[in-house]
Amino acid sequence: MSLLYIVPLISSTCSLYFAWDQYFFLTLLLKRDIQIHGNRLHIFYWQKFYSRGAIAVVGLISITSGASLTLLRDQTSLLQEKGSYNLYLAGGMLAICHLLSAPLMVPIAYTVRDGKKDIHKGTKALRRWLNIHLMRALTVDLACFVSCVLAVAKTLHP
């Protein structure tokens, strides 16, 4: 059972790293000196890789929220005694809150993916997507990670 206590921390760490990696990679494609090549690359990325990445993100969100909510259900007394109940609750709920930005981001992703029709429109959409992505990562994803760190530290502390 003690392994389950750290699962939300592991999956939220992976989510946060994945968010940083996406931001780092995709912002490189917007640099002026590689933007001509970057336009073709980011269109390819969105057409071929984005759906795979979305599956990974939803999987990590499911693991974080599922493990957190399972612990809340099965270990209520222990988590309340250790003072980590609300932290696991916050971690699980914040993981799910990641999905709240989907209505904003999915249409932008389609615009970027279809950038062959209008490269400048695709580049502008990518910048907008990255801005929303960064705000979500620095608020929801980071808060989820911190909640999970604190939850694990409190739960496993003797």
N, C-alpha and C. Protein backbone atom coordinates (compact mmCIF):
# COMPACT_ATOMS: atom_id res chain seq x y z
N MET A 1 0.82 -1.20 0.00
CA MET A 1 0.00 0.00 0.00
C MET A 1 0.86 1.26 0.00
N SER A 2 2.06 1.18 0.61
CA SER A 2 2.87 2.40 0.69
C SER A 2 3.31 2.90 -0.69
N LEU A 3 3.40 2.01 -1.67
CA LEU A 3 3.73 2.45 -3.02
C LEU A 3 2.64 3.36 -3.58
N LEU A 4 1.39 3.07 -3.25
CA LEU A 4 0.29 3.89 -3.76
C LEU A 4 0.37 5.33 -3.25
N TYR A 5 0.97 5.54 -2.08
CA TYR A 5 1.10 6.89 -1.54
C TYR A 5 1.97 7.78 -2.43
N ILE A 6 2.94 7.18 -3.13
CA ILE A 6 3.84 8.00 -3.95
C ILE A 6 3.44 8.06 -5.43
N VAL A 7 2.48 7.25 -5.83
CA VAL A 7 2.05 7.24 -7.24
C VAL A 7 1.60 8.63 -7.71
N PRO A 8 0.77 9.37 -6.94
CA PRO A 8 0.38 10.71 -7.41
C PRO A 8 1.59 11.65 -7.58
N LEU A 9 2.59 11.48 -6.72
CA LEU A 9 3.79 12.31 -6.84
C LEU A 9 4.55 11.97 -8.12
N ILE A 10 4.70 10.69 -8.40
CA ILE A 10 5.42 10.28 -9.60
C ILE A 10 4.69 10.75 -10.86
N SER A 11 3.39 10.52 -10.92
CA SER A 11 2.64 10.90 -12.13
C SER A 11 2.53 12.42 -12.28
N SER A 12 2.39 13.15 -11.19
CA SER A 12 2.33 14.62 -11.31
C SER A 12 3.70 15.19 -11.69
N THR A 13 4.77 14.54 -11.25
CA THR A 13 6.12 14.94 -11.67
C THR A 13 6.27 14.73 -13.17
N CYS A 14 5.81 13.60 -13.65
CA CYS A 14 5.87 13.32 -15.10
C CYS A 14 5.04 14.33 -15.88
N SER A 15 3.87 14.68 -15.39
CA SER A 15 3.02 15.67 -16.05
C SER A 15 3.71 17.02 -16.14
N LEU A 16 4.29 17.44 -15.03
CA LEU A 16 4.96 18.74 -15.00
C LEU A 16 6.18 18.74 -15.93
N TYR A 17 6.93 17.66 -15.92
CA TYR A 17 8.09 17.56 -16.81
C TYR A 17 7.64 17.57 -18.28
N PHE A 18 6.58 16.84 -18.57
CA PHE A 18 6.06 16.79 -19.94
C PHE A 18 5.63 18.19 -20.39
N ALA A 19 4.99 18.94 -19.50
CA ALA A 19 4.57 20.31 -19.82
C ALA A 19 5.78 21.19 -20.12
N TRP A 20 6.81 21.08 -19.27
CA TRP A 20 8.03 21.86 -19.50
C TRP A 20 8.68 21.46 -20.82
N ASP A 21 8.76 20.18 -21.09
CA ASP A 21 9.40 19.69 -22.30
C ASP A 21 8.67 20.20 -23.55
N GLN A 22 7.35 20.15 -23.53
CA GLN A 22 6.57 20.67 -24.65
C GLN A 22 6.83 22.16 -24.85
N TYR A 23 6.81 22.90 -23.76
CA TYR A 23 7.02 24.34 -23.85
C TYR A 23 8.42 24.63 -24.41
N PHE A 24 9.42 23.96 -23.86
CA PHE A 24 10.80 24.18 -24.30
C PHE A 24 10.96 23.87 -25.78
N PHE A 25 10.45 22.72 -26.21
CA PHE A 25 10.60 22.31 -27.61
C PHE A 25 9.84 23.24 -28.55
N LEU A 26 8.59 23.51 -28.24
CA LEU A 26 7.76 24.29 -29.16
C LEU A 26 8.17 25.76 -29.23
N THR A 27 8.70 26.31 -28.14
CA THR A 27 9.17 27.70 -28.22
C THR A 27 10.41 27.81 -29.10
N LEU A 28 11.20 26.75 -29.17
CA LEU A 28 12.35 26.77 -30.08
C LEU A 28 11.91 26.95 -31.53
N LEU A 29 10.77 26.38 -31.87
CA LEU A 29 10.27 26.48 -33.25
C LEU A 29 9.80 27.88 -33.61
N LEU A 30 9.68 28.74 -32.61
CA LEU A 30 9.25 30.12 -32.86
C LEU A 30 10.42 31.10 -32.95
N LYS A 31 11.63 30.63 -32.74
CA LYS A 31 12.81 31.50 -32.85
C LYS A 31 12.95 31.97 -34.29
N ARG A 32 13.28 33.24 -34.46
CA ARG A 32 13.34 33.83 -35.80
C ARG A 32 14.27 33.09 -36.75
N ASP A 33 15.43 32.67 -36.25
CA ASP A 33 16.41 32.05 -37.15
C ASP A 33 16.01 30.66 -37.63
N ILE A 34 15.08 30.01 -36.96
CA ILE A 34 14.62 28.70 -37.44
C ILE A 34 13.13 28.68 -37.76
N GLN A 35 12.50 29.84 -37.73
CA GLN A 35 11.05 29.89 -37.92
C GLN A 35 10.62 29.37 -39.29
N ILE A 36 11.40 29.61 -40.33
CA ILE A 36 11.04 29.11 -41.67
C ILE A 36 10.94 27.58 -41.63
N HIS A 37 11.93 26.94 -41.05
CA HIS A 37 11.90 25.48 -40.91
C HIS A 37 10.93 25.08 -39.80
N GLY A 38 10.87 25.92 -38.77
CA GLY A 38 10.01 25.64 -37.63
C GLY A 38 8.54 25.55 -38.00
N ASN A 39 8.11 26.36 -38.96
CA ASN A 39 6.70 26.31 -39.39
C ASN A 39 6.34 24.92 -39.89
N ARG A 40 7.21 24.36 -40.72
CA ARG A 40 6.93 23.01 -41.23
C ARG A 40 7.02 21.98 -40.11
N LEU A 41 7.98 22.17 -39.20
CA LEU A 41 8.15 21.21 -38.11
C LEU A 41 6.97 21.23 -37.14
N HIS A 42 6.52 22.42 -36.76
CA HIS A 42 5.43 22.43 -35.78
C HIS A 42 4.13 21.94 -36.39
N ILE A 43 3.94 22.11 -37.68
CA ILE A 43 2.76 21.53 -38.33
C ILE A 43 2.85 20.01 -38.27
N PHE A 44 4.03 19.48 -38.58
CA PHE A 44 4.25 18.02 -38.51
C PHE A 44 4.02 17.52 -37.09
N TYR A 45 4.57 18.25 -36.11
CA TYR A 45 4.42 17.87 -34.71
C TYR A 45 2.94 17.74 -34.35
N TRP A 46 2.14 18.73 -34.70
CA TRP A 46 0.73 18.73 -34.34
C TRP A 46 -0.05 17.65 -35.09
N GLN A 47 0.37 17.36 -36.30
CA GLN A 47 -0.33 16.33 -37.07
C GLN A 47 0.02 14.93 -36.60
N LYS A 48 1.25 14.70 -36.24
CA LYS A 48 1.72 13.33 -35.93
C LYS A 48 1.86 13.04 -34.44
N PHE A 49 2.30 14.02 -33.68
CA PHE A 49 2.67 13.74 -32.30
C PHE A 49 1.63 14.20 -31.28
N TYR A 50 0.92 15.26 -31.57
CA TYR A 50 0.04 15.87 -30.59
C TYR A 50 -0.98 14.87 -30.02
N SER A 51 -1.59 14.07 -30.87
CA SER A 51 -2.59 13.12 -30.35
C SER A 51 -1.95 12.10 -29.42
N ARG A 52 -0.73 11.68 -29.74
CA ARG A 52 -0.03 10.75 -28.84
C ARG A 52 0.29 11.42 -27.51
N GLY A 53 0.71 12.67 -27.59
CA GLY A 53 1.00 13.42 -26.37
C GLY A 53 -0.25 13.62 -25.53
N ALA A 54 -1.36 13.88 -26.19
CA ALA A 54 -2.63 14.07 -25.47
C ALA A 54 -3.01 12.80 -24.72
N ILE A 55 -2.77 11.65 -25.34
CA ILE A 55 -3.05 10.37 -24.68
C ILE A 55 -2.18 10.22 -23.44
N ALA A 56 -0.91 10.59 -23.55
CA ALA A 56 -0.01 10.51 -22.40
C ALA A 56 -0.46 11.44 -21.28
N VAL A 57 -0.85 12.65 -21.63
CA VAL A 57 -1.29 13.61 -20.63
C VAL A 57 -2.55 13.12 -19.92
N VAL A 58 -3.52 12.66 -20.67
CA VAL A 58 -4.76 12.14 -20.07
C VAL A 58 -4.45 10.92 -19.20
N GLY A 59 -3.52 10.09 -19.65
CA GLY A 59 -3.11 8.94 -18.84
C GLY A 59 -2.50 9.36 -17.52
N LEU A 60 -1.61 10.34 -17.55
CA LEU A 60 -0.98 10.82 -16.31
C LEU A 60 -2.00 11.48 -15.39
N ILE A 61 -2.92 12.24 -15.97
CA ILE A 61 -3.98 12.86 -15.17
C ILE A 61 -4.83 11.78 -14.51
N SER A 62 -5.14 10.74 -15.26
CA SER A 62 -5.94 9.64 -14.72
C SER A 62 -5.22 8.93 -13.58
N ILE A 63 -3.93 8.74 -13.74
CA ILE A 63 -3.15 8.07 -12.69
C ILE A 63 -3.09 8.95 -11.44
N THR A 64 -2.79 10.23 -11.61
CA THR A 64 -2.71 11.13 -10.45
C THR A 64 -4.05 11.21 -9.73
N SER A 65 -5.10 11.48 -10.47
CA SER A 65 -6.41 11.62 -9.82
C SER A 65 -6.92 10.29 -9.30
N GLY A 66 -6.74 9.23 -10.06
CA GLY A 66 -7.21 7.91 -9.64
C GLY A 66 -6.53 7.42 -8.37
N ALA A 67 -5.21 7.55 -8.32
CA ALA A 67 -4.48 7.11 -7.13
C ALA A 67 -4.84 7.98 -5.93
N SER A 68 -4.95 9.28 -6.14
CA SER A 68 -5.31 10.18 -5.04
C SER A 68 -6.70 9.86 -4.49
N LEU A 69 -7.65 9.70 -5.38
CA LEU A 69 -9.02 9.43 -4.93
C LEU A 69 -9.15 8.04 -4.32
N THR A 70 -8.37 7.08 -4.80
CA THR A 70 -8.36 5.75 -4.19
C THR A 70 -7.84 5.83 -2.76
N LEU A 71 -6.76 6.58 -2.57
CA LEU A 71 -6.23 6.75 -1.22
C LEU A 71 -7.24 7.45 -0.31
N LEU A 72 -7.92 8.45 -0.83
CA LEU A 72 -8.92 9.15 -0.03
C LEU A 72 -10.03 8.22 0.41
N ARG A 73 -10.40 7.31 -0.47
CA ARG A 73 -11.47 6.36 -0.16
C ARG A 73 -10.99 5.27 0.81
N ASP A 74 -9.81 4.73 0.56
CA ASP A 74 -9.36 3.55 1.30
C ASP A 74 -8.55 3.87 2.56
N GLN A 75 -7.98 5.05 2.63
CA GLN A 75 -7.09 5.38 3.76
C GLN A 75 -7.51 6.68 4.45
N THR A 76 -8.80 6.93 4.49
CA THR A 76 -9.31 8.19 5.04
C THR A 76 -8.76 8.48 6.43
N SER A 77 -8.87 7.53 7.33
CA SER A 77 -8.46 7.76 8.72
C SER A 77 -6.97 8.09 8.82
N LEU A 78 -6.15 7.30 8.15
CA LEU A 78 -4.70 7.52 8.21
C LEU A 78 -4.33 8.88 7.62
N LEU A 79 -4.91 9.22 6.48
CA LEU A 79 -4.58 10.50 5.84
C LEU A 79 -5.04 11.68 6.68
N GLN A 80 -6.19 11.55 7.34
CA GLN A 80 -6.65 12.62 8.22
C GLN A 80 -5.74 12.74 9.43
N GLU A 81 -5.33 11.60 9.97
CA GLU A 81 -4.43 11.59 11.12
C GLU A 81 -3.08 12.23 10.78
N LYS A 82 -2.58 11.94 9.59
CA LYS A 82 -1.28 12.48 9.15
C LYS A 82 -1.39 13.92 8.64
N GLY A 83 -2.61 14.41 8.42
CA GLY A 83 -2.80 15.76 7.91
C GLY A 83 -2.59 15.89 6.41
N SER A 84 -2.70 14.77 5.71
CA SER A 84 -2.45 14.81 4.26
C SER A 84 -3.72 14.58 3.42
N TYR A 85 -4.84 14.39 4.08
CA TYR A 85 -6.08 14.11 3.36
C TYR A 85 -6.39 15.23 2.35
N ASN A 86 -6.40 16.47 2.83
CA ASN A 86 -6.74 17.59 1.95
C ASN A 86 -5.69 17.80 0.85
N LEU A 87 -4.45 17.43 1.12
CA LEU A 87 -3.41 17.56 0.11
C LEU A 87 -3.60 16.55 -1.02
N TYR A 88 -3.95 15.31 -0.67
CA TYR A 88 -4.25 14.33 -1.71
C TYR A 88 -5.51 14.74 -2.49
N LEU A 89 -6.48 15.29 -1.77
CA LEU A 89 -7.69 15.78 -2.43
C LEU A 89 -7.34 16.91 -3.42
N ALA A 90 -6.51 17.84 -2.96
CA ALA A 90 -6.10 18.94 -3.84
C ALA A 90 -5.33 18.41 -5.05
N GLY A 91 -4.41 17.49 -4.83
CA GLY A 91 -3.64 16.93 -5.94
C GLY A 91 -4.53 16.25 -6.97
N GLY A 92 -5.47 15.45 -6.49
CA GLY A 92 -6.38 14.76 -7.41
C GLY A 92 -7.28 15.71 -8.17
N MET A 93 -7.80 16.70 -7.47
CA MET A 93 -8.70 17.66 -8.13
C MET A 93 -7.93 18.58 -9.09
N LEU A 94 -6.74 19.00 -8.71
CA LEU A 94 -5.94 19.85 -9.60
C LEU A 94 -5.54 19.09 -10.86
N ALA A 95 -5.27 17.80 -10.73
CA ALA A 95 -4.95 17.01 -11.93
C ALA A 95 -6.13 17.04 -12.89
N ILE A 96 -7.33 16.87 -12.36
CA ILE A 96 -8.53 16.91 -13.20
C ILE A 96 -8.74 18.31 -13.78
N CYS A 97 -8.41 19.34 -13.00
CA CYS A 97 -8.57 20.73 -13.47
C CYS A 97 -7.71 21.04 -14.68
N HIS A 98 -6.67 20.27 -14.89
CA HIS A 98 -5.84 20.44 -16.09
C HIS A 98 -6.71 20.39 -17.34
N LEU A 99 -7.74 19.56 -17.29
CA LEU A 99 -8.61 19.38 -18.46
C LEU A 99 -9.53 20.57 -18.72
N LEU A 100 -9.67 21.47 -17.75
CA LEU A 100 -10.56 22.62 -17.92
C LEU A 100 -10.11 23.55 -19.04
N SER A 101 -8.84 23.50 -19.38
CA SER A 101 -8.34 24.37 -20.45
C SER A 101 -8.57 23.78 -21.84
N ALA A 102 -9.03 22.54 -21.91
CA ALA A 102 -9.22 21.88 -23.21
C ALA A 102 -10.13 22.66 -24.16
N PRO A 103 -11.26 23.22 -23.70
CA PRO A 103 -12.10 23.97 -24.64
C PRO A 103 -11.38 25.16 -25.28
N LEU A 104 -10.41 25.72 -24.59
CA LEU A 104 -9.62 26.82 -25.16
C LEU A 104 -8.53 26.30 -26.10
N MET A 105 -7.90 25.20 -25.69
CA MET A 105 -6.68 24.77 -26.37
C MET A 105 -6.91 23.88 -27.59
N VAL A 106 -7.93 23.07 -27.58
CA VAL A 106 -8.14 22.15 -28.70
C VAL A 106 -8.39 22.90 -30.02
N PRO A 107 -9.25 23.92 -30.05
CA PRO A 107 -9.42 24.64 -31.32
C PRO A 107 -8.12 25.31 -31.80
N ILE A 108 -7.32 25.80 -30.86
CA ILE A 108 -6.04 26.40 -31.23
C ILE A 108 -5.12 25.34 -31.82
N ALA A 109 -5.12 24.15 -31.22
CA ALA A 109 -4.29 23.06 -31.73
C ALA A 109 -4.68 22.70 -33.16
N TYR A 110 -5.96 22.71 -33.45
CA TYR A 110 -6.41 22.42 -34.82
C TYR A 110 -5.94 23.50 -35.79
N THR A 111 -5.95 24.75 -35.35
CA THR A 111 -5.47 25.84 -36.20
C THR A 111 -3.98 25.67 -36.50
N VAL A 112 -3.21 25.31 -35.48
CA VAL A 112 -1.77 25.09 -35.68
C VAL A 112 -1.56 23.90 -36.61
N ARG A 113 -2.29 22.85 -36.38
CA ARG A 113 -2.16 21.63 -37.19
C ARG A 113 -2.45 21.91 -38.67
N ASP A 114 -3.39 22.77 -38.92
CA ASP A 114 -3.77 23.10 -40.29
C ASP A 114 -2.99 24.29 -40.83
N GLY A 115 -1.83 24.57 -40.24
CA GLY A 115 -1.03 25.74 -40.59
C GLY A 115 -0.51 25.78 -42.00
N LYS A 116 -0.56 24.66 -42.72
CA LYS A 116 -0.10 24.67 -44.12
C LYS A 116 -0.93 25.64 -44.95
N LYS A 117 -2.19 25.80 -44.56
CA LYS A 117 -3.07 26.69 -45.31
C LYS A 117 -2.65 28.15 -45.13
N ASP A 118 -2.21 28.49 -43.93
CA ASP A 118 -1.76 29.85 -43.63
C ASP A 118 -0.71 29.76 -42.54
N ILE A 119 0.55 29.78 -42.94
CA ILE A 119 1.66 29.58 -42.00
C ILE A 119 1.65 30.63 -40.89
N HIS A 120 1.37 31.88 -41.23
CA HIS A 120 1.37 32.95 -40.22
C HIS A 120 0.26 32.75 -39.20
N LYS A 121 -0.87 32.27 -39.65
CA LYS A 121 -1.98 31.99 -38.73
C LYS A 121 -1.60 30.84 -37.80
N GLY A 122 -0.93 29.82 -38.34
CA GLY A 122 -0.48 28.69 -37.53
C GLY A 122 0.54 29.11 -36.48
N THR A 123 1.48 29.98 -36.86
CA THR A 123 2.49 30.46 -35.92
C THR A 123 1.86 31.30 -34.82
N LYS A 124 0.94 32.16 -35.20
CA LYS A 124 0.23 32.98 -34.21
C LYS A 124 -0.56 32.09 -33.25
N ALA A 125 -1.21 31.07 -33.78
CA ALA A 125 -1.98 30.14 -32.94
C ALA A 125 -1.05 29.38 -32.00
N LEU A 126 0.12 28.99 -32.49
CA LEU A 126 1.08 28.28 -31.64
C LEU A 126 1.51 29.17 -30.47
N ARG A 127 1.77 30.43 -30.74
CA ARG A 127 2.13 31.36 -29.65
C ARG A 127 1.00 31.45 -28.62
N ARG A 128 -0.21 31.53 -29.10
CA ARG A 128 -1.37 31.61 -28.18
C ARG A 128 -1.49 30.32 -27.36
N TRP A 129 -1.33 29.17 -28.02
CA TRP A 129 -1.40 27.88 -27.33
C TRP A 129 -0.32 27.80 -26.25
N LEU A 130 0.90 28.24 -26.59
CA LEU A 130 2.00 28.20 -25.63
C LEU A 130 1.75 29.12 -24.44
N ASN A 131 1.13 30.27 -24.66
CA ASN A 131 0.81 31.16 -23.54
C ASN A 131 -0.18 30.51 -22.58
N ILE A 132 -1.21 29.91 -23.11
CA ILE A 132 -2.20 29.23 -22.26
C ILE A 132 -1.55 28.03 -21.58
N HIS A 133 -0.77 27.28 -22.33
CA HIS A 133 -0.07 26.11 -21.80
C HIS A 133 0.84 26.51 -20.62
N LEU A 134 1.59 27.59 -20.78
CA LEU A 134 2.49 28.04 -19.72
C LEU A 134 1.71 28.46 -18.48
N MET A 135 0.63 29.21 -18.67
CA MET A 135 -0.18 29.63 -17.52
C MET A 135 -0.76 28.43 -16.79
N ARG A 136 -1.23 27.44 -17.53
CA ARG A 136 -1.79 26.24 -16.91
C ARG A 136 -0.70 25.47 -16.17
N ALA A 137 0.47 25.36 -16.77
CA ALA A 137 1.56 24.62 -16.14
C ALA A 137 2.02 25.30 -14.85
N LEU A 138 2.09 26.63 -14.86
CA LEU A 138 2.57 27.37 -13.69
C LEU A 138 1.52 27.49 -12.59
N THR A 139 0.28 27.24 -12.92
CA THR A 139 -0.77 27.33 -11.90
C THR A 139 -1.26 25.93 -11.53
N VAL A 140 -2.02 25.33 -12.39
CA VAL A 140 -2.67 24.05 -12.08
C VAL A 140 -1.65 22.91 -11.93
N ASP A 141 -0.78 22.74 -12.91
CA ASP A 141 0.15 21.60 -12.88
C ASP A 141 1.17 21.72 -11.74
N LEU A 142 1.70 22.92 -11.54
CA LEU A 142 2.66 23.13 -10.46
C LEU A 142 1.99 22.97 -9.10
N ALA A 143 0.79 23.51 -8.94
CA ALA A 143 0.06 23.36 -7.68
C ALA A 143 -0.26 21.90 -7.40
N CYS A 144 -0.60 21.14 -8.43
CA CYS A 144 -0.85 19.71 -8.28
C CYS A 144 0.41 19.01 -7.79
N PHE A 145 1.53 19.30 -8.41
CA PHE A 145 2.80 18.70 -8.02
C PHE A 145 3.15 19.04 -6.57
N VAL A 146 3.04 20.31 -6.20
CA VAL A 146 3.36 20.73 -4.83
C VAL A 146 2.44 20.04 -3.83
N SER A 147 1.16 19.95 -4.15
CA SER A 147 0.20 19.25 -3.28
C SER A 147 0.62 17.80 -3.08
N CYS A 148 1.03 17.16 -4.16
CA CYS A 148 1.44 15.75 -4.07
C CYS A 148 2.74 15.59 -3.28
N VAL A 149 3.68 16.50 -3.46
CA VAL A 149 4.93 16.46 -2.68
C VAL A 149 4.60 16.55 -1.20
N LEU A 150 3.80 17.54 -0.83
CA LEU A 150 3.45 17.73 0.58
C LEU A 150 2.63 16.56 1.12
N ALA A 151 1.72 16.03 0.31
CA ALA A 151 0.91 14.89 0.75
C ALA A 151 1.79 13.69 1.06
N VAL A 152 2.72 13.39 0.17
CA VAL A 152 3.61 12.24 0.38
C VAL A 152 4.51 12.49 1.59
N ALA A 153 5.07 13.69 1.70
CA ALA A 153 5.95 14.00 2.83
C ALA A 153 5.22 13.85 4.16
N LYS A 154 4.00 14.36 4.24
CA LYS A 154 3.24 14.25 5.49
C LYS A 154 2.83 12.81 5.78
N THR A 155 2.44 12.09 4.75
CA THR A 155 1.96 10.72 4.95
C THR A 155 3.08 9.78 5.36
N LEU A 156 4.22 9.91 4.72
CA LEU A 156 5.32 8.97 4.98
C LEU A 156 6.23 9.40 6.12
N HIS A 157 6.04 10.62 6.63
CA HIS A 157 6.84 11.07 7.77
C HIS A 157 6.41 10.30 9.01
N PRO A 158 7.39 9.78 9.75
CA PRO A 158 7.03 8.96 10.94
C PRO A 158 6.28 9.69 12.02
